[in-house]
Amino acid sequence: MRLPVLIFTFFFLSITVESQIVINEIMAANAGSHMETDYYNFPDWIEIFNKGTTQVNLSGYYLSDDINELKKWQFPSFLLSAGQYYIVYCDKEGTGSHSNFGLSADGETIYLIDNTGNIIDNLDYDKQYPDISYGRNFFDISQWLFCASPTPGSANLTTTATERSPAASFSIPAGRLSSSSVLNLAGSKIRYTINGNEPVSTSTAYDDPIALNKTMVVKAKTFKDGYLPGETYANTYFLSEHTFTLPVVSLSYNSDYFYDNTYGIYVTGTNGISQIGNCREPANFNQNWERLAYLEYFDINGIKKISQPVGMKVSGG
């Protein structure tokens, strides 16, 4: 007697275990929005978030920007509580919460690796803008959006905007002025400064024409609704100055970046180091610090040829 053969078919379901530790926000072009206080610089950063309900020791976890070297940087021992954030500064220092790699503002992929060597989260991002971060939507963490107001260490403030606000236009070109003038700006929700500082959303609102009654730099930035903050644009006006006999460079910046005792790069200050190979007393100007500035280059005829934001460092003796 032949017994019936019973064939059992088993269906194996692929189950993806969701990690409670995730990449939550990044800043790949930190020009001047967030200073860290270990090295007093403005590094790029990655924010890690524990979205679970239990505490996690980050020791044994890794970050990398290289698929061929996933264990590129290891987290220090840190107990990350549920709902807590952790900031990794991507400045190549390689100590404490400072990684040994930087972030590219042109875009790349970041990997978060668990203590078993598995990729538990990754972010493939495109071009980033100065002082605008990129983060998960607080209400839908599967969605990544820009953050016009970066929030390192706290909940993200995302926006659906993807384009920058059109730059403000100036009624008078930069350069030499023979007499006092009145400057008009055109654009949506313009904020401006005349002290060298970067315009932010709380800077002076442009409502009335600006009197050009001395040599001065006017910096303007737009904050049009529905757009990301626009690019900063600066014009230097030389009022009744002597005739140029050489090309002239105008470098405008927050004066604290040069002269503040804590983080000024052009003073002895209080956070300096000794110069290598010299017994000189510690000084801020020996630090490898970089600060945001705006550079304008005028030819011998006073015509502006170059106008752009730059990073500045102290060099030389």
C-alpha atoms as a PDB file:
ATOM      1  CA  MET A   1       0.000   0.000   0.000  1.00  0.00           C
ATOM      2  CA  ARG A   2       1.474   3.315  -1.029  1.00  0.00           C
ATOM      3  CA  LEU A   3       1.082   6.102   1.489  1.00  0.00           C
ATOM      4  CA  PRO A   4       0.381   9.596   0.206  1.00  0.00           C
ATOM      5  CA  VAL A   5       3.309  11.915   0.228  1.00  0.00           C
ATOM      6  CA  LEU A   6       2.597  15.193   1.933  1.00  0.00           C
ATOM      7  CA  ILE A   7       4.609  18.141   0.702  1.00  0.00           C
ATOM      8  CA  PHE A   8       4.891  21.091   3.046  1.00  0.00           C
ATOM      9  CA  THR A   9       5.900  24.416   1.601  1.00  0.00           C
ATOM     10  CA  PHE A  10       7.407  26.943   4.004  1.00  0.00           C
ATOM     11  CA  PHE A  11       7.471  30.605   3.153  1.00  0.00           C
ATOM     12  CA  PHE A  12      10.305  32.516   4.819  1.00  0.00           C
ATOM     13  CA  LEU A  13       9.484  36.177   5.293  1.00  0.00           C
ATOM     14  CA  SER A  14      12.351  38.634   5.222  1.00  0.00           C
ATOM     15  CA  ILE A  15      12.094  40.748   8.350  1.00  0.00           C
ATOM     16  CA  THR A  16      14.022  43.994   8.561  1.00  0.00           C
ATOM     17  CA  VAL A  17      14.830  44.943  12.101  1.00  0.00           C
ATOM     18  CA  GLU A  18      14.507  48.686  12.440  1.00  0.00           C
ATOM     19  CA  SER A  19      17.315  50.347  14.370  1.00  0.00           C
ATOM     20  CA  GLN A  20      16.484  52.685  17.228  1.00  0.00           C
ATOM     21  CA  ILE A  21      19.704  54.648  16.568  1.00  0.00           C
ATOM     22  CA  VAL A  22      19.447  56.767  13.405  1.00  0.00           C
ATOM     23  CA  ILE A  23      21.102  59.630  11.567  1.00  0.00           C
ATOM     24  CA  ASN A  24      18.720  62.515  12.219  1.00  0.00           C
ATOM     25  CA  GLU A  25      20.284  65.725  10.862  1.00  0.00           C
ATOM     26  CA  ILE A  26      23.464  66.829   9.108  1.00  0.00           C
ATOM     27  CA  MET A  27      25.242  70.099   8.410  1.00  0.00           C
ATOM     28  CA  ALA A  28      27.708  69.789   5.526  1.00  0.00           C
ATOM     29  CA  ALA A  29      28.383  73.516   5.055  1.00  0.00           C
ATOM     30  CA  ASN A  30      28.672  75.085   8.505  1.00  0.00           C
ATOM     31  CA  ALA A  31      29.908  78.557   7.653  1.00  0.00           C
ATOM     32  CA  GLY A  32      28.968  80.286  10.880  1.00  0.00           C
ATOM     33  CA  SER A  33      25.786  78.809  12.336  1.00  0.00           C
ATOM     34  CA  HIS A  34      27.168  76.583  15.106  1.00  0.00           C
ATOM     35  CA  MET A  35      30.510  76.830  16.923  1.00  0.00           C
ATOM     36  CA  GLU A  36      31.720  73.859  18.958  1.00  0.00           C
ATOM     37  CA  THR A  37      33.699  74.627  22.108  1.00  0.00           C
ATOM     38  CA  ASP A  38      36.359  71.887  22.126  1.00  0.00           C
ATOM     39  CA  TYR A  39      38.403  73.490  19.350  1.00  0.00           C
ATOM     40  CA  TYR A  40      36.366  76.689  18.829  1.00  0.00           C
ATOM     41  CA  ASN A  41      35.695  76.067  15.172  1.00  0.00           C
ATOM     42  CA  PHE A  42      32.654  75.814  12.911  1.00  0.00           C
ATOM     43  CA  PRO A  43      32.832  72.178  11.781  1.00  0.00           C
ATOM     44  CA  ASP A  44      30.335  70.181   9.781  1.00  0.00           C
ATOM     45  CA  TRP A  45      28.332  67.811  11.960  1.00  0.00           C
ATOM     46  CA  ILE A  46      26.088  64.760  12.093  1.00  0.00           C
ATOM     47  CA  GLU A  47      23.294  64.420  14.641  1.00  0.00           C
ATOM     48  CA  ILE A  48      22.441  60.931  15.935  1.00  0.00           C
ATOM     49  CA  PHE A  49      19.055  60.269  17.566  1.00  0.00           C
ATOM     50  CA  ASN A  50      17.784  57.462  19.774  1.00  0.00           C
ATOM     51  CA  LYS A  51      14.174  57.070  18.676  1.00  0.00           C
ATOM     52  CA  GLY A  52      13.670  53.951  20.789  1.00  0.00           C
ATOM     53  CA  THR A  53      12.515  53.456  24.357  1.00  0.00           C
ATOM     54  CA  THR A  54      15.711  52.085  25.878  1.00  0.00           C
ATOM     55  CA  GLN A  55      19.201  53.416  26.536  1.00  0.00           C
ATOM     56  CA  VAL A  56      22.001  52.510  24.098  1.00  0.00           C
ATOM     57  CA  ASN A  57      25.758  52.597  24.654  1.00  0.00           C
ATOM     58  CA  LEU A  58      27.262  54.079  21.496  1.00  0.00           C
ATOM     59  CA  SER A  59      30.598  52.382  22.127  1.00  0.00           C
ATOM     60  CA  GLY A  60      31.136  49.914  19.316  1.00  0.00           C
ATOM     61  CA  TYR A  61      29.045  51.868  16.820  1.00  0.00           C
ATOM     62  CA  TYR A  62      30.697  53.519  13.819  1.00  0.00           C
ATOM     63  CA  LEU A  63      30.228  56.285  11.260  1.00  0.00           C
ATOM     64  CA  SER A  64      31.751  56.388   7.811  1.00  0.00           C
ATOM     65  CA  ASP A  65      31.559  58.161   4.481  1.00  0.00           C
ATOM     66  CA  ASP A  66      33.269  55.278   2.670  1.00  0.00           C
ATOM     67  CA  ILE A  67      31.459  52.034   1.767  1.00  0.00           C
ATOM     68  CA  ASN A  68      34.845  50.307   1.615  1.00  0.00           C
ATOM     69  CA  GLU A  69      35.758  51.402   5.150  1.00  0.00           C
ATOM     70  CA  LEU A  70      32.596  51.142   7.199  1.00  0.00           C
ATOM     71  CA  LYS A  71      34.414  51.217  10.530  1.00  0.00           C
ATOM     72  CA  LYS A  72      36.139  54.471   9.709  1.00  0.00           C
ATOM     73  CA  TRP A  73      35.298  56.249  12.973  1.00  0.00           C
ATOM     74  CA  GLN A  74      34.186  54.670  16.233  1.00  0.00           C
ATOM     75  CA  PHE A  75      31.923  56.415  18.723  1.00  0.00           C
ATOM     76  CA  PRO A  76      33.298  56.973  22.220  1.00  0.00           C
ATOM     77  CA  SER A  77      31.552  55.303  25.139  1.00  0.00           C
ATOM     78  CA  PHE A  78      28.357  57.271  25.670  1.00  0.00           C
ATOM     79  CA  LEU A  79      25.000  56.197  27.067  1.00  0.00           C
ATOM     80  CA  LEU A  80      22.399  57.651  24.686  1.00  0.00           C
ATOM     81  CA  SER A  81      19.043  57.747  26.430  1.00  0.00           C
ATOM     82  CA  ALA A  82      15.717  57.290  24.668  1.00  0.00           C
ATOM     83  CA  GLY A  83      14.791  60.499  22.861  1.00  0.00           C
ATOM     84  CA  GLN A  84      18.309  61.913  23.235  1.00  0.00           C
ATOM     85  CA  TYR A  85      20.531  63.450  20.543  1.00  0.00           C
ATOM     86  CA  TYR A  86      24.289  63.141  20.052  1.00  0.00           C
ATOM     87  CA  ILE A  87      26.371  65.473  17.875  1.00  0.00           C
ATOM     88  CA  VAL A  88      29.418  64.222  15.978  1.00  0.00           C
ATOM     89  CA  TYR A  89      31.675  67.001  14.690  1.00  0.00           C
ATOM     90  CA  CYS A  90      33.117  66.097  11.301  1.00  0.00           C
ATOM     91  CA  ASP A  91      36.381  68.026  11.429  1.00  0.00           C
ATOM     92  CA  LYS A  92      38.992  65.256  11.041  1.00  0.00           C
ATOM     93  CA  GLU A  93      40.261  65.762  14.614  1.00  0.00           C
ATOM     94  CA  GLY A  94      39.542  62.125  15.515  1.00  0.00           C
ATOM     95  CA  THR A  95      39.140  62.672  19.262  1.00  0.00           C
ATOM     96  CA  GLY A  96      36.100  62.423  21.542  1.00  0.00           C
ATOM     97  CA  SER A  97      32.994  63.404  19.605  1.00  0.00           C
ATOM     98  CA  HIS A  98      35.101  64.607  16.657  1.00  0.00           C
ATOM     99  CA  SER A  99      35.301  62.240  13.697  1.00  0.00           C
ATOM    100  CA  ASN A 100      38.326  61.574  11.507  1.00  0.00           C
ATOM    101  CA  PHE A 101      36.524  62.580   8.304  1.00  0.00           C
ATOM    102  CA  GLY A 102      34.676  65.604   6.975  1.00  0.00           C
ATOM    103  CA  LEU A 103      31.477  66.047   4.994  1.00  0.00           C
ATOM    104  CA  SER A 104      31.238  67.125   1.379  1.00  0.00           C
ATOM    105  CA  ALA A 105      28.888  70.017   0.620  1.00  0.00           C
ATOM    106  CA  ASP A 106      28.556  68.638  -2.914  1.00  0.00           C
ATOM    107  CA  GLY A 107      26.918  65.454  -1.605  1.00  0.00           C
ATOM    108  CA  GLU A 108      27.964  61.960  -0.569  1.00  0.00           C
ATOM    109  CA  THR A 109      26.723  58.958   1.455  1.00  0.00           C
ATOM    110  CA  ILE A 110      27.036  58.578   5.226  1.00  0.00           C
ATOM    111  CA  TYR A 111      26.777  55.201   6.948  1.00  0.00           C
ATOM    112  CA  LEU A 112      25.879  54.322  10.541  1.00  0.00           C
ATOM    113  CA  ILE A 113      27.219  50.921  11.611  1.00  0.00           C
ATOM    114  CA  ASP A 114      26.160  48.921  14.675  1.00  0.00           C
ATOM    115  CA  ASN A 115      28.380  46.909  17.027  1.00  0.00           C
ATOM    116  CA  THR A 116      27.986  43.792  14.859  1.00  0.00           C
ATOM    117  CA  GLY A 117      29.284  45.534  11.741  1.00  0.00           C
ATOM    118  CA  ASN A 118      25.923  45.948   9.992  1.00  0.00           C
ATOM    119  CA  ILE A 119      24.746  49.101   8.245  1.00  0.00           C
ATOM    120  CA  ILE A 120      21.757  50.196  10.334  1.00  0.00           C
ATOM    121  CA  ASP A 121      21.192  53.553   8.678  1.00  0.00           C
ATOM    122  CA  ASN A 122      22.567  55.569   5.776  1.00  0.00           C
ATOM    123  CA  LEU A 123      21.967  58.917   4.128  1.00  0.00           C
ATOM    124  CA  ASP A 124      22.682  59.668   0.488  1.00  0.00           C
ATOM    125  CA  TYR A 125      22.434  63.444   0.214  1.00  0.00           C
ATOM    126  CA  ASP A 126      22.891  65.945  -2.610  1.00  0.00           C
ATOM    127  CA  LYS A 127      24.315  69.485  -2.678  1.00  0.00           C
ATOM    128  CA  GLN A 128      24.034  71.393   0.594  1.00  0.00           C
ATOM    129  CA  TYR A 129      23.900  75.137   1.261  1.00  0.00           C
ATOM    130  CA  PRO A 130      25.839  77.235   3.807  1.00  0.00           C
ATOM    131  CA  ASP A 131      24.251  77.261   7.271  1.00  0.00           C
ATOM    132  CA  ILE A 132      21.229  75.247   6.120  1.00  0.00           C
ATOM    133  CA  SER A 133      21.014  71.733   7.563  1.00  0.00           C
ATOM    134  CA  TYR A 134      19.301  68.610   6.224  1.00  0.00           C
ATOM    135  CA  GLY A 135      17.189  66.495   8.534  1.00  0.00           C
ATOM    136  CA  ARG A 136      14.370  64.045   9.037  1.00  0.00           C
ATOM    137  CA  ASN A 137      10.847  65.390   9.137  1.00  0.00           C
ATOM    138  CA  PHE A 138       9.833  65.298  12.822  1.00  0.00           C
ATOM    139  CA  PHE A 139       6.360  64.098  11.827  1.00  0.00           C
ATOM    140  CA  ASP A 140       7.532  61.570   9.195  1.00  0.00           C
ATOM    141  CA  ILE A 141      11.082  60.375   9.866  1.00  0.00           C
ATOM    142  CA  SER A 142      11.238  58.598   6.510  1.00  0.00           C
ATOM    143  CA  GLN A 143      11.248  62.003   4.812  1.00  0.00           C
ATOM    144  CA  TRP A 144      14.390  64.152   4.583  1.00  0.00           C
ATOM    145  CA  LEU A 145      14.022  67.922   4.182  1.00  0.00           C
ATOM    146  CA  PHE A 146      16.108  71.075   4.495  1.00  0.00           C
ATOM    147  CA  CYS A 147      16.154  72.962   7.790  1.00  0.00           C
ATOM    148  CA  ALA A 148      16.434  76.718   7.306  1.00  0.00           C
ATOM    149  CA  SER A 149      17.088  76.948  11.066  1.00  0.00           C
ATOM    150  CA  PRO A 150      19.521  74.157  12.051  1.00  0.00           C
ATOM    151  CA  THR A 151      18.745  72.472  15.382  1.00  0.00           C
ATOM    152  CA  PRO A 152      21.779  70.480  16.576  1.00  0.00           C
ATOM    153  CA  GLY A 153      20.775  68.617  19.748  1.00  0.00           C
ATOM    154  CA  SER A 154      17.027  69.181  19.473  1.00  0.00           C
ATOM    155  CA  ALA A 155      13.987  68.339  17.336  1.00  0.00           C
ATOM    156  CA  ASN A 156      14.260  69.261  13.651  1.00  0.00           C
ATOM    157  CA  LEU A 157      12.520  72.294  12.157  1.00  0.00           C
ATOM    158  CA  THR A 158      12.181  71.194   8.538  1.00  0.00           C
ATOM    159  CA  THR A 159      10.764  73.056   5.563  1.00  0.00           C
ATOM    160  CA  THR A 160       9.420  71.777   2.251  1.00  0.00           C
ATOM    161  CA  ALA A 161      11.360  74.504   0.434  1.00  0.00           C
ATOM    162  CA  THR A 162      14.054  73.249  -1.924  1.00  0.00           C
ATOM    163  CA  GLU A 163      15.194  76.451  -3.678  1.00  0.00           C
ATOM    164  CA  ARG A 164      16.979  79.463  -2.258  1.00  0.00           C
ATOM    165  CA  SER A 165      15.326  82.840  -2.155  1.00  0.00           C
ATOM    166  CA  PRO A 166      16.432  85.081  -5.078  1.00  0.00           C
ATOM    167  CA  ALA A 167      19.277  87.347  -4.029  1.00  0.00           C
ATOM    168  CA  ALA A 168      18.672  91.010  -3.275  1.00  0.00           C
ATOM    169  CA  SER A 169      19.714  93.547  -5.902  1.00  0.00           C
ATOM    170  CA  PHE A 170      21.491  96.861  -5.219  1.00  0.00           C
ATOM    171  CA  SER A 171      20.611 100.100  -6.980  1.00  0.00           C
ATOM    172  CA  ILE A 172      24.239 101.315  -6.816  1.00  0.00           C
ATOM    173  CA  PRO A 173      27.168  99.094  -7.831  1.00  0.00           C
ATOM    174  CA  ALA A 174      30.011  98.617  -5.370  1.00  0.00           C
ATOM    175  CA  GLY A 175      33.061 100.833  -5.727  1.00  0.00           C
ATOM    176  CA  ARG A 176      34.082 104.467  -5.413  1.00  0.00           C
ATOM    177  CA  LEU A 177      31.568 107.198  -4.584  1.00  0.00           C
ATOM    178  CA  SER A 178      32.401 110.888  -4.920  1.00  0.00           C
ATOM    179  CA  SER A 179      29.527 112.030  -2.697  1.00  0.00           C
ATOM    180  CA  SER A 180      26.939 110.690  -0.273  1.00  0.00           C
ATOM    181  CA  SER A 181      24.220 108.624  -1.916  1.00  0.00           C
ATOM    182  CA  VAL A 182      21.069 106.687  -1.109  1.00  0.00           C
ATOM    183  CA  LEU A 183      21.047 102.924  -1.703  1.00  0.00           C
ATOM    184  CA  ASN A 184      17.860 101.051  -2.612  1.00  0.00           C
ATOM    185  CA  LEU A 185      17.583  97.277  -2.300  1.00  0.00           C
ATOM    186  CA  ALA A 186      15.114  95.096  -4.203  1.00  0.00           C
ATOM    187  CA  GLY A 187      13.964  91.645  -3.163  1.00  0.00           C
ATOM    188  CA  SER A 188      11.596  89.821  -0.832  1.00  0.00           C
ATOM    189  CA  LYS A 189      11.989  90.115   2.958  1.00  0.00           C
ATOM    190  CA  ILE A 190      15.504  91.562   2.912  1.00  0.00           C
ATOM    191  CA  ARG A 191      17.632  91.654   6.047  1.00  0.00           C
ATOM    192  CA  TYR A 192      20.868  93.624   5.992  1.00  0.00           C
ATOM    193  CA  THR A 193      23.903  94.649   8.055  1.00  0.00           C
ATOM    194  CA  ILE A 194      26.463  97.452   7.822  1.00  0.00           C
ATOM    195  CA  ASN A 195      28.879  96.150  10.489  1.00  0.00           C
ATOM    196  CA  GLY A 196      30.358  93.228   8.551  1.00  0.00           C
ATOM    197  CA  ASN A 197      28.200  90.571  10.194  1.00  0.00           C
ATOM    198  CA  GLU A 198      26.371  87.915   8.212  1.00  0.00           C
ATOM    199  CA  PRO A 199      22.689  88.907   7.833  1.00  0.00           C
ATOM    200  CA  VAL A 200      20.304  86.533   9.610  1.00  0.00           C
ATOM    201  CA  SER A 201      16.521  86.418   9.935  1.00  0.00           C
ATOM    202  CA  THR A 202      16.676  88.761  12.948  1.00  0.00           C
ATOM    203  CA  SER A 203      18.977  91.365  11.364  1.00  0.00           C
ATOM    204  CA  THR A 204      17.650  94.815  10.454  1.00  0.00           C
ATOM    205  CA  ALA A 205      14.733  94.562   8.040  1.00  0.00           C
ATOM    206  CA  TYR A 206      15.064  96.614   4.880  1.00  0.00           C
ATOM    207  CA  ASP A 207      12.155  99.059   4.861  1.00  0.00           C
ATOM    208  CA  ASP A 208      13.741 102.344   3.824  1.00  0.00           C
ATOM    209  CA  PRO A 209      16.674 103.358   1.588  1.00  0.00           C
ATOM    210  CA  ILE A 210      20.130 103.141   3.183  1.00  0.00           C
ATOM    211  CA  ALA A 211      22.201 106.312   3.495  1.00  0.00           C
ATOM    212  CA  LEU A 212      25.725 105.885   2.133  1.00  0.00           C
ATOM    213  CA  ASN A 213      27.414 108.731   4.018  1.00  0.00           C
ATOM    214  CA  LYS A 214      30.758 107.075   4.739  1.00  0.00           C
ATOM    215  CA  THR A 215      32.928 104.225   3.489  1.00  0.00           C
ATOM    216  CA  MET A 216      30.921 101.140   4.402  1.00  0.00           C
ATOM    217  CA  VAL A 217      29.954  97.571   3.541  1.00  0.00           C
ATOM    218  CA  VAL A 218      26.291  96.690   3.022  1.00  0.00           C
ATOM    219  CA  LYS A 219      25.469  92.989   3.254  1.00  0.00           C
ATOM    220  CA  ALA A 220      21.993  91.788   2.289  1.00  0.00           C
ATOM    221  CA  LYS A 221      20.151  88.477   2.340  1.00  0.00           C
ATOM    222  CA  THR A 222      16.581  87.557   1.408  1.00  0.00           C
ATOM    223  CA  PHE A 223      14.181  85.364   3.387  1.00  0.00           C
ATOM    224  CA  LYS A 224      11.280  85.002   0.953  1.00  0.00           C
ATOM    225  CA  ASP A 225       8.360  82.886   2.165  1.00  0.00           C
ATOM    226  CA  GLY A 226       8.356  79.394   0.685  1.00  0.00           C
ATOM    227  CA  TYR A 227      12.086  79.476  -0.047  1.00  0.00           C
ATOM    228  CA  LEU A 228      15.291  78.661   1.750  1.00  0.00           C
ATOM    229  CA  PRO A 229      17.290  81.727   2.866  1.00  0.00           C
ATOM    230  CA  GLY A 230      19.059  83.303  -0.099  1.00  0.00           C
ATOM    231  CA  GLU A 231      22.750  83.886  -0.680  1.00  0.00           C
ATOM    232  CA  THR A 232      24.444  86.732   1.122  1.00  0.00           C
ATOM    233  CA  TYR A 233      25.634  89.502  -1.165  1.00  0.00           C
ATOM    234  CA  ALA A 234      27.932  92.339  -0.106  1.00  0.00           C
ATOM    235  CA  ASN A 235      28.825  95.673  -1.653  1.00  0.00           C
ATOM    236  CA  THR A 236      31.626  97.907  -0.373  1.00  0.00           C
ATOM    237  CA  TYR A 237      31.271 101.638  -1.026  1.00  0.00           C
ATOM    238  CA  PHE A 238      34.396 103.829  -0.862  1.00  0.00           C
ATOM    239  CA  LEU A 239      33.180 107.352  -0.175  1.00  0.00           C
ATOM    240  CA  SER A 240      35.616 110.142  -1.087  1.00  0.00           C
ATOM    241  CA  GLU A 241      38.620 107.860  -0.694  1.00  0.00           C
ATOM    242  CA  HIS A 242      41.884 108.504  -2.528  1.00  0.00           C
ATOM    243  CA  THR A 243      42.236 107.344  -6.105  1.00  0.00           C
ATOM    244  CA  PHE A 244      43.253 103.689  -6.397  1.00  0.00           C
ATOM    245  CA  THR A 245      46.802 103.133  -7.605  1.00  0.00           C
ATOM    246  CA  LEU A 246      46.655  99.378  -6.977  1.00  0.00           C
ATOM    247  CA  PRO A 247      43.869  96.795  -6.910  1.00  0.00           C
ATOM    248  CA  VAL A 248      41.962  96.844  -3.597  1.00  0.00           C
ATOM    249  CA  VAL A 249      40.573  93.952  -1.548  1.00  0.00           C
ATOM    250  CA  SER A 250      37.660  94.489   0.827  1.00  0.00           C
ATOM    251  CA  LEU A 251      37.320  91.769   3.464  1.00  0.00           C
ATOM    252  CA  SER A 252      34.227  92.063   5.666  1.00  0.00           C
ATOM    253  CA  TYR A 253      33.458  89.848   8.663  1.00  0.00           C
ATOM    254  CA  ASN A 254      32.075  89.662  12.169  1.00  0.00           C
ATOM    255  CA  SER A 255      34.654  91.598  14.204  1.00  0.00           C
ATOM    256  CA  ASP A 256      34.421  89.053  17.035  1.00  0.00           C
ATOM    257  CA  TYR A 257      35.927  86.470  14.677  1.00  0.00           C
ATOM    258  CA  PHE A 258      39.134  88.532  14.743  1.00  0.00           C
ATOM    259  CA  TYR A 259      39.204  90.156  18.167  1.00  0.00           C
ATOM    260  CA  ASP A 260      37.164  88.132  20.669  1.00  0.00           C
ATOM    261  CA  ASN A 261      39.390  86.784  23.470  1.00  0.00           C
ATOM    262  CA  THR A 262      37.774  83.349  23.342  1.00  0.00           C
ATOM    263  CA  TYR A 263      37.603  82.625  19.605  1.00  0.00           C
ATOM    264  CA  GLY A 264      39.147  85.619  17.811  1.00  0.00           C
ATOM    265  CA  ILE A 265      41.870  84.529  15.398  1.00  0.00           C
ATOM    266  CA  TYR A 266      43.895  87.761  15.444  1.00  0.00           C
ATOM    267  CA  VAL A 267      44.553  88.199  19.187  1.00  0.00           C
ATOM    268  CA  THR A 268      46.585  86.542  21.911  1.00  0.00           C
ATOM    269  CA  GLY A 269      43.296  85.693  23.597  1.00  0.00           C
ATOM    270  CA  THR A 270      42.572  82.983  26.146  1.00  0.00           C
ATOM    271  CA  ASN A 271      42.357  79.805  24.046  1.00  0.00           C
ATOM    272  CA  GLY A 272      45.685  79.866  22.273  1.00  0.00           C
ATOM    273  CA  ILE A 273      48.395  77.286  21.707  1.00  0.00           C
ATOM    274  CA  SER A 274      52.155  77.669  21.472  1.00  0.00           C
ATOM    275  CA  GLN A 275      53.594  77.976  18.024  1.00  0.00           C
ATOM    276  CA  ILE A 276      55.362  74.819  16.909  1.00  0.00           C
ATOM    277  CA  GLY A 277      59.129  75.217  17.123  1.00  0.00           C
ATOM    278  CA  ASN A 278      58.891  78.450  19.097  1.00  0.00           C
ATOM    279  CA  CYS A 279      58.792  79.172  22.833  1.00  0.00           C
ATOM    280  CA  ARG A 280      56.249  81.939  22.339  1.00  0.00           C
ATOM    281  CA  GLU A 281      53.426  82.096  24.866  1.00  0.00           C
ATOM    282  CA  PRO A 282      50.129  80.499  23.769  1.00  0.00           C
ATOM    283  CA  ALA A 283      48.069  82.693  21.452  1.00  0.00           C
ATOM    284  CA  ASN A 284      44.795  82.378  19.583  1.00  0.00           C
ATOM    285  CA  PHE A 285      46.517  83.317  16.332  1.00  0.00           C
ATOM    286  CA  ASN A 286      48.506  80.063  16.485  1.00  0.00           C
ATOM    287  CA  GLN A 287      45.305  78.026  16.283  1.00  0.00           C
ATOM    288  CA  ASN A 288      44.236  76.399  13.027  1.00  0.00           C
ATOM    289  CA  TRP A 289      40.945  78.292  13.072  1.00  0.00           C
ATOM    290  CA  GLU A 290      38.853  79.295  10.084  1.00  0.00           C
ATOM    291  CA  ARG A 291      36.232  82.030  10.090  1.00  0.00           C
ATOM    292  CA  LEU A 292      33.599  83.189   7.604  1.00  0.00           C
ATOM    293  CA  ALA A 293      34.241  86.398   5.678  1.00  0.00           C
ATOM    294  CA  TYR A 294      33.183  88.071   2.435  1.00  0.00           C
ATOM    295  CA  LEU A 295      35.783  89.067  -0.129  1.00  0.00           C
ATOM    296  CA  GLU A 296      35.491  91.720  -2.824  1.00  0.00           C
ATOM    297  CA  TYR A 297      38.305  92.469  -5.270  1.00  0.00           C
ATOM    298  CA  PHE A 298      38.393  95.798  -7.100  1.00  0.00           C
ATOM    299  CA  ASP A 299      40.697  96.563  -9.997  1.00  0.00           C
ATOM    300  CA  ILE A 300      42.761  99.734 -10.244  1.00  0.00           C
ATOM    301  CA  ASN A 301      39.778 101.542 -11.763  1.00  0.00           C
ATOM    302  CA  GLY A 302      37.555 100.627  -8.806  1.00  0.00           C
ATOM    303  CA  ILE A 303      35.533  98.047 -10.744  1.00  0.00           C
ATOM    304  CA  LYS A 304      34.562  94.975  -8.719  1.00  0.00           C
ATOM    305  CA  LYS A 305      35.877  91.776 -10.318  1.00  0.00           C
ATOM    306  CA  ILE A 306      35.406  89.188  -7.553  1.00  0.00           C
ATOM    307  CA  SER A 307      32.614  88.970  -4.957  1.00  0.00           C
ATOM    308  CA  GLN A 308      32.174  85.836  -2.836  1.00  0.00           C
ATOM    309  CA  PRO A 309      32.107  84.375   0.684  1.00  0.00           C
ATOM    310  CA  VAL A 310      35.427  82.882   1.829  1.00  0.00           C
ATOM    311  CA  GLY A 311      37.005  81.187   4.825  1.00  0.00           C
ATOM    312  CA  MET A 312      39.865  83.076   6.438  1.00  0.00           C
ATOM    313  CA  LYS A 313      42.803  81.874   8.535  1.00  0.00           C
ATOM    314  CA  VAL A 314      45.867  83.528  10.060  1.00  0.00           C
ATOM    315  CA  SER A 315      49.137  82.578   8.399  1.00  0.00           C
ATOM    316  CA  GLY A 316      52.717  83.706   8.584  1.00  0.00           C
ATOM    317  CA  GLY A 317      54.802  85.318  11.331  1.00  0.00           C
END
